[in-house]
Amino acid sequence: ATLTIGPQDVCADVNCAALKEKGDLADFVILCVKTWQVADAAKDAACILRAGSGCIVTTQNGIDAPTEAAAASDGESSVLAGIVQVIAFREDPAEGPLRCVRLGAPSPKSITLGECVWGGAGFESQRVLLLRDILKSSGVEVPVPEEGNVKRELWRKAAMMCCMGPMSAVTRADIHTMLRTPSTRAMLMAAMEEVCALSACFPGCYVGDGRAQQTMDYLERIKPGSTPSTVRDVVCGRPSEMRQMSGAMHRLGIEQKIATPVHSFIAAALEPQEALARGEHEYSLQGVPGGKPSV
């Protein structure tokens, strides 16, 4: 596969079976797939991990990726959780090399790393320190999670991405427009507060007081027109991460007996089109060109 970043092309062989056959083993395999592809990707990657030390690094939105990767490989000990911050999109994916274009202002490029099996305040394993140094040497920012607790950072990112993406998808609006429309701004804020409330149900994961407002303040600085990948996938009729975002918050709300009316509504509203995009259900819209949902 060829990935174009700026003026440079980076080529990578992503055939894990072929790598295994050649005896090429990995210390780290970073999963850069969509959340709903994690289990399959982790299963493929597990075969090339160096025995006893190799690990899979998740980078996905939501909170379930590390757990799903662990279940598909050798357990939690074989997985590091990564929280990536970047706003980018694929430009002309059907023509030539895949080109990633960063969006927004600010447009960060960072990854926070940590052990899925949390070792307590200040805990950082040797493999986390090693991968951090490797990434830093390539120019990537690698912040240290507060108290070494990457699970809390997963929830803090979820307070933004699991709300901004599904809300943008259900409204068909960019981030700036959602914030400038009073009704959708209030709905987005409510969705964030639901995630914050859920985070308090899990030991060591509470995102902290005022997190929803802090996230809204951050989004105020995003460049007008910027869109999360969820809305791009939905309006283009592709499978999205909706089930791992609002769908997951709806499920956790039921399990923890926490009301999540915004996420429950979004999950229900987007489910028919999601099932259509995944080929799980077919339907046709009479009177609509092509008979399919559109922007």
Protein backbone atom coordinates (compact mmCIF):
# COMPACT_ATOMS: atom_id res chain seq x y z
CA ALA A 1 0.00 0.00 0.00
CA THR A 2 1.21 3.55 -0.69
CA LEU A 3 0.42 6.47 1.59
CA THR A 4 1.19 10.02 0.49
CA ILE A 5 1.84 12.54 3.26
CA GLY A 6 2.65 15.94 1.85
CA PRO A 7 5.23 15.54 -0.94
CA GLN A 8 6.47 12.14 0.27
CA ASP A 9 5.24 8.62 -0.50
CA VAL A 10 5.51 6.00 2.23
CA CYS A 11 5.20 2.39 1.07
CA ALA A 12 4.21 -0.37 3.46
CA ASP A 13 3.50 -4.08 3.06
CA VAL A 14 0.37 -4.74 5.10
CA ASN A 15 0.04 -8.45 4.25
CA CYS A 16 0.63 -9.98 7.68
CA ALA A 17 0.53 -13.57 6.40
CA ALA A 18 3.28 -12.78 3.88
CA LEU A 19 5.38 -11.07 6.55
CA LYS A 20 5.02 -14.07 8.84
CA GLU A 21 6.05 -16.43 6.05
CA LYS A 22 9.20 -14.37 5.51
CA GLY A 23 9.92 -14.43 9.25
CA ASP A 24 9.49 -10.69 9.67
CA LEU A 25 8.30 -10.08 13.23
CA ALA A 26 7.18 -6.81 14.80
CA ASP A 27 7.74 -5.18 18.16
CA PHE A 28 4.83 -2.82 17.52
CA VAL A 29 1.89 -3.01 15.12
CA ILE A 30 -0.09 0.24 15.03
CA LEU A 31 -3.67 -0.31 13.92
CA CYS A 32 -4.75 2.58 11.66
CA VAL A 33 -8.12 1.15 10.66
CA LYS A 34 -11.67 2.17 11.49
CA THR A 35 -13.06 1.13 14.86
CA TRP A 36 -15.35 -1.49 13.35
CA GLN A 37 -12.34 -3.13 11.67
CA VAL A 38 -10.23 -3.52 14.83
CA ALA A 39 -11.03 -7.15 15.66
CA ASP A 40 -10.15 -8.44 12.18
CA ALA A 41 -7.03 -6.28 11.93
CA ALA A 42 -5.80 -7.33 15.38
CA LYS A 43 -6.35 -10.99 14.54
CA ASP A 44 -4.27 -10.60 11.38
CA ALA A 45 -1.55 -8.63 13.16
CA ALA A 46 -1.21 -11.06 16.08
CA CYS A 47 0.63 -13.56 13.88
CA ILE A 48 3.61 -11.25 13.35
CA LEU A 49 4.08 -10.04 16.93
CA ARG A 50 7.44 -10.90 18.45
CA ALA A 51 6.81 -13.59 21.07
CA GLY A 52 6.71 -12.28 24.62
CA SER A 53 7.29 -8.62 23.77
CA GLY A 54 5.45 -7.58 20.60
CA CYS A 55 2.25 -5.61 20.99
CA ILE A 56 -0.62 -4.10 19.06
CA VAL A 57 -1.25 -0.36 19.41
CA THR A 58 -4.82 0.83 18.97
CA THR A 59 -5.54 4.38 17.77
CA GLN A 60 -9.29 4.38 17.23
CA ASN A 61 -12.15 6.57 18.40
CA GLY A 62 -14.43 5.36 21.16
CA ILE A 63 -13.43 3.27 24.17
CA ASP A 64 -13.75 -0.32 22.94
CA ALA A 65 -10.76 -0.70 20.59
CA PRO A 66 -8.20 -1.89 23.20
CA THR A 67 -10.64 -4.46 24.56
CA GLU A 68 -11.53 -5.73 21.09
CA ALA A 69 -7.88 -5.93 20.05
CA ALA A 70 -7.03 -7.83 23.23
CA ALA A 71 -9.83 -10.32 22.63
CA ALA A 72 -8.60 -10.92 19.07
CA SER A 73 -4.93 -11.36 20.04
CA ASP A 74 -3.18 -12.59 23.20
CA GLY A 75 -5.06 -10.57 25.80
CA GLU A 76 -4.52 -7.18 27.43
CA SER A 77 -0.79 -7.78 27.87
CA SER A 78 -0.37 -7.67 24.08
CA VAL A 79 -2.10 -4.32 23.59
CA LEU A 80 -1.14 -0.68 24.12
CA ALA A 81 -3.81 1.99 23.91
CA GLY A 82 -3.07 5.00 21.76
CA ILE A 83 -5.07 8.21 21.56
CA VAL A 84 -4.43 10.02 18.29
CA GLN A 85 -5.28 13.65 17.71
CA VAL A 86 -5.37 14.69 14.07
CA ILE A 87 -8.01 16.17 11.80
CA ALA A 88 -7.52 14.85 8.29
CA PHE A 89 -9.34 13.45 5.29
CA ARG A 90 -8.59 11.21 2.32
CA GLU A 91 -8.23 13.16 -0.90
CA ASP A 92 -9.21 11.43 -4.18
CA PRO A 93 -8.90 7.92 -2.71
CA ALA A 94 -9.98 6.37 -6.04
CA GLU A 95 -7.20 8.02 -8.03
CA GLY A 96 -3.57 7.23 -7.35
CA PRO A 97 -1.92 7.04 -3.92
CA LEU A 98 -3.95 7.72 -0.80
CA ARG A 99 -3.37 11.32 0.22
CA CYS A 100 -4.08 12.50 3.76
CA VAL A 101 -4.81 16.20 4.17
CA ARG A 102 -4.80 17.72 7.63
CA LEU A 103 -7.61 20.11 8.47
CA GLY A 104 -8.57 22.62 11.07
CA ALA A 105 -6.90 25.23 13.23
CA PRO A 106 -5.35 24.01 15.39
CA SER A 107 -4.58 20.78 13.56
CA PRO A 108 -2.62 18.61 16.01
CA LYS A 109 -0.54 15.55 15.24
CA SER A 110 -0.03 13.67 18.47
CA ILE A 111 -0.47 10.23 20.00
CA THR A 112 -0.78 9.51 23.70
CA LEU A 113 0.29 6.00 24.76
CA GLY A 114 -0.37 3.80 27.76
CA GLU A 115 -0.86 0.27 29.04
CA CYS A 116 -4.37 -1.16 28.93
CA VAL A 117 -3.65 -2.86 32.26
CA TRP A 118 -3.26 0.31 34.28
CA GLY A 119 -0.36 0.05 36.74
CA GLY A 120 -1.37 2.98 38.93
CA ALA A 121 -0.35 6.62 39.24
CA GLY A 122 2.78 7.42 37.27
CA PHE A 123 3.13 3.91 35.83
CA GLU A 124 4.84 3.70 32.44
CA SER A 125 6.18 0.46 31.01
CA GLN A 126 9.47 0.13 29.17
CA ARG A 127 7.69 -0.59 25.89
CA VAL A 128 5.64 2.61 26.23
CA LEU A 129 8.84 4.58 26.79
CA LEU A 130 10.51 2.87 23.81
CA LEU A 131 7.66 3.54 21.39
CA ARG A 132 7.36 7.12 22.63
CA ASP A 133 11.04 7.73 21.81
CA ILE A 134 10.63 6.16 18.36
CA LEU A 135 7.63 8.34 17.53
CA LYS A 136 9.23 11.49 18.92
CA SER A 137 12.26 10.93 16.68
CA SER A 138 9.92 11.08 13.67
CA GLY A 139 8.46 14.42 14.72
CA VAL A 140 5.24 13.16 16.32
CA GLU A 141 4.16 14.73 19.59
CA VAL A 142 3.70 12.09 22.31
CA PRO A 143 2.11 13.63 25.43
CA VAL A 144 2.34 11.75 28.71
CA PRO A 145 -1.12 10.82 30.05
CA GLU A 146 -2.06 12.32 33.38
CA GLU A 147 -0.93 9.95 36.17
CA GLY A 148 0.00 7.45 33.47
CA ASN A 149 -3.70 6.65 33.09
CA VAL A 150 -4.46 6.18 29.39
CA LYS A 151 -7.97 4.90 30.03
CA ARG A 152 -9.03 8.31 31.32
CA GLU A 153 -7.56 9.85 28.17
CA LEU A 154 -9.64 7.46 26.05
CA TRP A 155 -12.77 8.75 27.74
CA ARG A 156 -11.67 12.37 27.37
CA LYS A 157 -11.28 11.89 23.65
CA ALA A 158 -14.63 10.08 23.57
CA ALA A 159 -16.26 13.14 25.14
CA MET A 160 -15.37 14.92 21.90
CA MET A 161 -15.27 12.37 19.09
CA CYS A 162 -18.18 10.17 20.17
CA CYS A 163 -20.33 13.31 20.20
CA MET A 164 -18.98 15.57 17.46
CA GLY A 165 -18.90 12.81 14.83
CA PRO A 166 -22.40 11.35 15.33
CA MET A 167 -23.94 14.82 15.78
CA SER A 168 -22.34 16.01 12.55
CA ALA A 169 -23.62 12.87 10.81
CA VAL A 170 -27.20 13.22 12.01
CA THR A 171 -27.35 16.97 11.23
CA ARG A 172 -25.30 16.77 7.98
CA ALA A 173 -23.47 19.88 9.18
CA ASP A 174 -19.83 20.82 9.77
CA ILE A 175 -18.55 21.53 13.28
CA HIS A 176 -18.69 25.32 12.91
CA THR A 177 -22.30 25.26 11.72
CA MET A 178 -23.40 23.00 14.59
CA LEU A 179 -21.87 25.38 17.11
CA ARG A 180 -23.48 28.41 15.47
CA THR A 181 -26.96 26.83 15.51
CA PRO A 182 -28.40 27.16 19.06
CA SER A 183 -30.45 23.95 18.97
CA THR A 184 -27.63 21.72 17.71
CA ARG A 185 -25.09 23.41 19.97
CA ALA A 186 -27.24 22.55 22.99
CA MET A 187 -27.72 18.99 21.73
CA LEU A 188 -23.96 18.54 21.21
CA MET A 189 -23.28 19.83 24.73
CA ALA A 190 -25.85 17.40 26.15
CA ALA A 191 -24.23 14.50 24.29
CA MET A 192 -20.86 15.40 25.81
CA GLU A 193 -22.33 15.57 29.28
CA GLU A 194 -23.77 12.07 28.79
CA VAL A 195 -20.29 10.71 27.99
CA CYS A 196 -18.82 12.50 31.00
CA ALA A 197 -21.47 10.98 33.27
CA LEU A 198 -20.76 7.51 31.91
CA SER A 199 -17.01 7.89 32.48
CA ALA A 200 -17.66 8.25 36.20
CA CYS A 201 -19.06 4.69 36.27
CA PHE A 202 -15.64 3.15 35.62
CA PRO A 203 -12.73 3.24 38.12
CA GLY A 204 -10.04 5.71 37.15
CA CYS A 205 -11.89 6.89 34.04
CA TYR A 206 -13.80 9.99 35.18
CA VAL A 207 -12.87 12.79 32.79
CA GLY A 208 -13.15 15.54 35.39
CA ASP A 209 -15.54 18.37 36.16
CA GLY A 210 -16.20 20.81 33.33
CA ARG A 211 -14.86 18.54 30.60
CA ALA A 212 -17.84 19.08 28.32
CA GLN A 213 -17.39 22.86 28.36
CA GLN A 214 -13.63 22.53 27.85
CA THR A 215 -14.30 20.39 24.79
CA MET A 216 -16.77 22.90 23.41
CA ASP A 217 -14.19 25.66 23.90
CA TYR A 218 -11.66 23.61 21.92
CA LEU A 219 -14.11 23.09 19.06
CA GLU A 220 -14.68 26.84 18.83
CA ARG A 221 -11.15 27.11 17.41
CA ILE A 222 -11.73 24.57 14.62
CA LYS A 223 -11.66 26.00 11.11
CA PRO A 224 -15.13 26.50 9.51
CA GLY A 225 -16.01 23.69 7.16
CA SER A 226 -14.05 21.07 9.11
CA THR A 227 -15.82 17.73 9.33
CA PRO A 228 -15.24 14.58 11.38
CA SER A 229 -14.82 11.38 9.38
CA THR A 230 -18.14 10.03 10.67
CA VAL A 231 -20.22 12.51 8.69
CA ARG A 232 -18.09 11.95 5.59
CA ASP A 233 -18.66 8.21 5.80
CA VAL A 234 -22.39 8.53 6.43
CA VAL A 235 -23.15 11.02 3.65
CA CYS A 236 -21.06 9.00 1.20
CA GLY A 237 -22.91 5.80 2.05
CA ARG A 238 -19.91 4.05 3.63
CA PRO A 239 -19.88 2.03 6.87
CA SER A 240 -19.20 4.42 9.75
CA GLU A 241 -18.12 4.28 13.39
CA MET A 242 -21.57 5.27 14.58
CA ARG A 243 -22.17 1.97 16.40
CA GLN A 244 -18.89 2.34 18.28
CA MET A 245 -19.67 5.97 19.17
CA SER A 246 -23.28 6.84 19.98
CA GLY A 247 -24.19 3.16 19.76
CA ALA A 248 -21.65 2.32 22.45
CA MET A 249 -22.83 5.15 24.71
CA HIS A 250 -26.43 4.00 24.32
CA ARG A 251 -25.39 0.44 25.27
CA LEU A 252 -23.32 1.56 28.25
CA GLY A 253 -26.13 3.83 29.40
CA ILE A 254 -28.45 0.84 29.59
CA GLU A 255 -25.82 -1.26 31.38
CA GLN A 256 -24.96 1.45 33.91
CA LYS A 257 -28.52 2.78 34.27
CA ILE A 258 -27.43 6.23 33.07
CA ALA A 259 -29.82 8.16 30.81
CA THR A 260 -28.33 8.89 27.38
CA PRO A 261 -31.26 10.38 25.42
CA VAL A 262 -29.10 12.19 22.84
CA HIS A 263 -26.90 9.21 22.03
CA SER A 264 -29.87 6.85 22.06
CA PHE A 265 -31.67 9.07 19.54
CA ILE A 266 -28.63 9.39 17.26
CA ALA A 267 -27.95 5.65 17.34
CA ALA A 268 -31.55 4.90 16.41
CA ALA A 269 -31.74 7.62 13.72
CA LEU A 270 -28.57 6.49 11.92
CA GLU A 271 -29.02 2.73 12.28
CA PRO A 272 -31.10 2.12 9.10
CA GLN A 273 -28.55 3.82 6.86
CA GLU A 274 -25.68 2.12 8.74
CA ALA A 275 -27.23 -1.31 8.12
CA LEU A 276 -27.66 -0.37 4.45
CA ALA A 277 -24.02 0.72 4.14
CA ARG A 278 -22.83 -2.56 5.67
CA GLY A 279 -25.02 -4.65 3.38
CA GLU A 280 -27.04 -5.99 6.32
CA HIS A 281 -30.34 -4.63 5.07
CA GLU A 282 -31.63 -3.31 1.77
CA TYR A 283 -34.28 -0.70 1.19
CA SER A 284 -35.23 1.75 -1.50
CA LEU A 285 -36.54 5.30 -1.20
CA GLN A 286 -39.24 5.92 -3.78
CA GLY A 287 -38.99 9.32 -5.42
CA VAL A 288 -35.30 9.70 -4.50
CA PRO A 289 -32.76 9.53 -7.36
CA GLY A 290 -31.03 6.18 -7.12
CA GLY A 291 -33.38 5.13 -4.33
CA LYS A 292 -30.65 5.62 -1.72
CA PRO A 293 -30.09 8.16 1.07
CA SER A 294 -28.01 11.12 0.01
CA VAL A 295 -26.50 14.25 1.55
